[in-house]
Amino acid sequence: MSLRKAFSAVAVAGLMAGGALIAAPSAQASTWTYIGIYPTAASCHAAGQAYVNNHQAIVYFCDTTTETGPARLSAILY
């Protein structure tokens, strides 16, 4: 890997992490919490957005291998 690519990868990761912490300062002491498995990515995203809309979670993400397969929901809870 070239030095330029390595520096770019580290810079992008740092910017993303910094942006998440600026957007949600209370996330600094929090960790990701596994919530459950959903049958599709769409249902996972709907459930994650419901947690955010109900002020139960700061952010969420769905881990899936395909758009039609099962997805795992994790969130940083308040």
N, C-alpha and C. Protein backbone atom coordinates (compact mmCIF):
# COMPACT_ATOMS: atom_id res chain seq x y z
N MET A 1 0.85 -1.16 0.00
CA MET A 1 0.00 0.00 0.00
C MET A 1 0.90 1.23 0.00
N SER A 2 0.58 2.17 -0.85
CA SER A 2 1.41 3.37 -0.90
C SER A 2 1.14 4.25 0.32
N LEU A 3 2.08 5.11 0.58
CA LEU A 3 1.97 6.01 1.72
C LEU A 3 0.77 6.94 1.55
N ARG A 4 0.51 7.37 0.32
CA ARG A 4 -0.63 8.26 0.07
C ARG A 4 -1.95 7.58 0.40
N LYS A 5 -2.11 6.31 -0.03
CA LYS A 5 -3.34 5.57 0.25
C LYS A 5 -3.50 5.31 1.75
N ALA A 6 -2.41 4.99 2.42
CA ALA A 6 -2.46 4.75 3.86
C ALA A 6 -2.87 6.01 4.59
N PHE A 7 -2.28 7.14 4.21
CA PHE A 7 -2.62 8.41 4.85
C PHE A 7 -4.07 8.77 4.59
N SER A 8 -4.54 8.56 3.36
CA SER A 8 -5.94 8.87 3.02
C SER A 8 -6.90 8.01 3.83
N ALA A 9 -6.60 6.73 3.98
CA ALA A 9 -7.48 5.83 4.73
C ALA A 9 -7.56 6.26 6.19
N VAL A 10 -6.44 6.62 6.78
CA VAL A 10 -6.42 7.07 8.18
C VAL A 10 -7.15 8.39 8.32
N ALA A 11 -6.97 9.30 7.36
CA ALA A 11 -7.63 10.61 7.43
C ALA A 11 -9.14 10.46 7.31
N VAL A 12 -9.60 9.63 6.40
CA VAL A 12 -11.05 9.42 6.24
C VAL A 12 -11.63 8.80 7.50
N ALA A 13 -10.98 7.80 8.05
CA ALA A 13 -11.47 7.16 9.28
C ALA A 13 -11.52 8.16 10.43
N GLY A 14 -10.50 9.00 10.53
CA GLY A 14 -10.48 10.01 11.59
C GLY A 14 -11.58 11.03 11.43
N LEU A 15 -11.83 11.47 10.20
CA LEU A 15 -12.91 12.43 9.96
C LEU A 15 -14.27 11.84 10.28
N MET A 16 -14.48 10.59 9.90
CA MET A 16 -15.77 9.95 10.18
C MET A 16 -15.98 9.78 11.68
N ALA A 17 -14.96 9.34 12.38
CA ALA A 17 -15.07 9.16 13.83
C ALA A 17 -15.28 10.50 14.51
N GLY A 18 -14.53 11.51 14.09
CA GLY A 18 -14.69 12.85 14.67
C GLY A 18 -16.06 13.42 14.42
N GLY A 19 -16.58 13.22 13.21
CA GLY A 19 -17.92 13.71 12.88
C GLY A 19 -19.00 13.05 13.73
N ALA A 20 -18.85 11.76 13.95
CA ALA A 20 -19.82 11.05 14.78
C ALA A 20 -19.78 11.56 16.22
N LEU A 21 -18.60 11.84 16.73
CA LEU A 21 -18.49 12.32 18.10
C LEU A 21 -18.96 13.76 18.25
N ILE A 22 -18.76 14.56 17.22
CA ILE A 22 -19.26 15.94 17.26
C ILE A 22 -20.78 15.94 17.21
N ALA A 23 -21.34 15.08 16.38
CA ALA A 23 -22.79 15.00 16.25
C ALA A 23 -23.45 14.44 17.50
N ALA A 24 -22.75 13.61 18.23
CA ALA A 24 -23.31 12.98 19.42
C ALA A 24 -22.25 12.94 20.52
N PRO A 25 -22.06 14.05 21.23
CA PRO A 25 -21.01 14.08 22.25
C PRO A 25 -21.15 13.01 23.32
N SER A 26 -22.37 12.61 23.66
CA SER A 26 -22.53 11.60 24.70
C SER A 26 -22.05 10.23 24.23
N ALA A 27 -21.78 10.07 22.93
CA ALA A 27 -21.30 8.79 22.42
C ALA A 27 -19.86 8.52 22.81
N GLN A 28 -19.16 9.50 23.31
CA GLN A 28 -17.76 9.33 23.63
C GLN A 28 -17.56 8.24 24.68
N ALA A 29 -18.46 8.10 25.61
CA ALA A 29 -18.32 7.10 26.67
C ALA A 29 -19.18 5.87 26.39
N SER A 30 -19.89 5.85 25.28
CA SER A 30 -20.80 4.76 24.97
C SER A 30 -20.16 3.74 24.05
N THR A 31 -20.78 2.57 23.99
CA THR A 31 -20.34 1.53 23.07
C THR A 31 -21.53 1.03 22.29
N TRP A 32 -21.25 0.33 21.21
CA TRP A 32 -22.32 -0.23 20.39
C TRP A 32 -23.00 -1.37 21.15
N THR A 33 -24.32 -1.41 21.08
CA THR A 33 -25.11 -2.45 21.72
C THR A 33 -25.82 -3.25 20.64
N TYR A 34 -25.64 -4.56 20.66
CA TYR A 34 -26.35 -5.44 19.72
C TYR A 34 -27.81 -5.48 20.13
N ILE A 35 -28.71 -5.25 19.16
CA ILE A 35 -30.14 -5.24 19.46
C ILE A 35 -30.82 -6.50 18.94
N GLY A 36 -30.55 -6.88 17.70
CA GLY A 36 -31.19 -8.08 17.18
C GLY A 36 -30.97 -8.29 15.70
N ILE A 37 -31.50 -9.41 15.20
CA ILE A 37 -31.42 -9.76 13.79
C ILE A 37 -32.79 -9.51 13.16
N TYR A 38 -32.78 -8.87 11.98
CA TYR A 38 -34.01 -8.59 11.25
C TYR A 38 -33.98 -9.33 9.93
N PRO A 39 -35.14 -9.70 9.39
CA PRO A 39 -35.17 -10.54 8.18
C PRO A 39 -34.60 -9.87 6.93
N THR A 40 -34.68 -8.55 6.83
CA THR A 40 -34.15 -7.83 5.67
C THR A 40 -33.45 -6.56 6.13
N ALA A 41 -32.62 -6.02 5.26
CA ALA A 41 -31.94 -4.76 5.56
C ALA A 41 -32.95 -3.63 5.73
N ALA A 42 -34.00 -3.63 4.94
CA ALA A 42 -35.02 -2.57 5.04
C ALA A 42 -35.69 -2.58 6.41
N SER A 43 -36.03 -3.76 6.91
CA SER A 43 -36.68 -3.83 8.22
C SER A 43 -35.70 -3.45 9.33
N CYS A 44 -34.43 -3.76 9.14
CA CYS A 44 -33.40 -3.38 10.11
C CYS A 44 -33.28 -1.86 10.17
N HIS A 45 -33.21 -1.22 9.00
CA HIS A 45 -33.09 0.24 8.97
C HIS A 45 -34.34 0.91 9.55
N ALA A 46 -35.51 0.35 9.29
CA ALA A 46 -36.74 0.90 9.85
C ALA A 46 -36.73 0.81 11.38
N ALA A 47 -36.27 -0.32 11.91
CA ALA A 47 -36.20 -0.49 13.36
C ALA A 47 -35.16 0.45 13.96
N GLY A 48 -34.01 0.57 13.32
CA GLY A 48 -32.97 1.49 13.80
C GLY A 48 -33.44 2.92 13.81
N GLN A 49 -34.13 3.33 12.74
CA GLN A 49 -34.64 4.70 12.67
C GLN A 49 -35.70 4.94 13.74
N ALA A 50 -36.49 3.91 14.06
CA ALA A 50 -37.49 4.04 15.13
C ALA A 50 -36.81 4.27 16.47
N TYR A 51 -35.68 3.59 16.74
CA TYR A 51 -34.94 3.83 17.97
C TYR A 51 -34.45 5.27 18.04
N VAL A 52 -33.95 5.79 16.92
CA VAL A 52 -33.46 7.17 16.89
C VAL A 52 -34.62 8.15 17.05
N ASN A 53 -35.71 7.92 16.33
CA ASN A 53 -36.88 8.82 16.41
C ASN A 53 -37.50 8.85 17.80
N ASN A 54 -37.44 7.73 18.51
CA ASN A 54 -38.00 7.66 19.87
C ASN A 54 -37.00 8.07 20.94
N HIS A 55 -35.85 8.61 20.50
CA HIS A 55 -34.79 9.09 21.40
C HIS A 55 -34.29 7.99 22.34
N GLN A 56 -34.23 6.77 21.83
CA GLN A 56 -33.66 5.66 22.59
C GLN A 56 -32.23 5.39 22.16
N ALA A 57 -31.87 5.84 20.95
CA ALA A 57 -30.52 5.61 20.43
C ALA A 57 -29.99 6.89 19.80
N ILE A 58 -28.67 7.04 19.86
CA ILE A 58 -28.01 8.19 19.24
C ILE A 58 -27.81 7.92 17.76
N VAL A 59 -27.24 6.77 17.43
CA VAL A 59 -27.02 6.33 16.05
C VAL A 59 -27.20 4.82 16.00
N TYR A 60 -27.36 4.28 14.80
CA TYR A 60 -27.48 2.84 14.62
C TYR A 60 -26.80 2.43 13.33
N PHE A 61 -26.54 1.15 13.18
CA PHE A 61 -26.12 0.62 11.89
C PHE A 61 -26.61 -0.80 11.73
N CYS A 62 -26.83 -1.17 10.47
CA CYS A 62 -27.27 -2.51 10.13
C CYS A 62 -26.15 -3.21 9.39
N ASP A 63 -25.75 -4.35 9.88
CA ASP A 63 -24.69 -5.15 9.29
C ASP A 63 -25.34 -6.27 8.49
N THR A 64 -25.16 -6.24 7.17
CA THR A 64 -25.78 -7.24 6.32
C THR A 64 -24.84 -7.59 5.17
N THR A 65 -25.00 -8.78 4.64
CA THR A 65 -24.18 -9.18 3.50
C THR A 65 -24.90 -8.93 2.17
N THR A 66 -26.23 -9.02 2.18
CA THR A 66 -27.02 -8.75 0.97
C THR A 66 -28.23 -7.91 1.34
N GLU A 67 -28.78 -7.22 0.37
CA GLU A 67 -29.94 -6.36 0.62
C GLU A 67 -31.19 -7.18 0.94
N THR A 68 -31.25 -8.42 0.50
CA THR A 68 -32.43 -9.26 0.75
C THR A 68 -32.24 -10.25 1.89
N GLY A 69 -31.03 -10.34 2.42
CA GLY A 69 -30.75 -11.29 3.50
C GLY A 69 -30.98 -10.68 4.87
N PRO A 70 -30.75 -11.45 5.92
CA PRO A 70 -30.93 -10.94 7.29
C PRO A 70 -29.89 -9.86 7.62
N ALA A 71 -30.26 -8.98 8.53
CA ALA A 71 -29.38 -7.88 8.93
C ALA A 71 -29.34 -7.79 10.45
N ARG A 72 -28.15 -7.47 10.97
CA ARG A 72 -27.96 -7.34 12.41
C ARG A 72 -27.97 -5.86 12.78
N LEU A 73 -28.83 -5.49 13.75
CA LEU A 73 -28.96 -4.11 14.19
C LEU A 73 -28.14 -3.87 15.44
N SER A 74 -27.32 -2.84 15.42
CA SER A 74 -26.55 -2.40 16.59
C SER A 74 -26.75 -0.90 16.72
N ALA A 75 -26.70 -0.39 17.94
CA ALA A 75 -26.94 1.03 18.17
C ALA A 75 -26.15 1.51 19.37
N ILE A 76 -25.91 2.81 19.41
CA ILE A 76 -25.38 3.45 20.61
C ILE A 76 -26.61 4.02 21.32
N LEU A 77 -26.93 3.45 22.45
CA LEU A 77 -28.13 3.84 23.19
C LEU A 77 -27.84 5.00 24.13
N TYR A 78 -28.88 5.76 24.43
CA TYR A 78 -28.74 6.86 25.39
C TYR A 78 -28.47 6.33 26.77
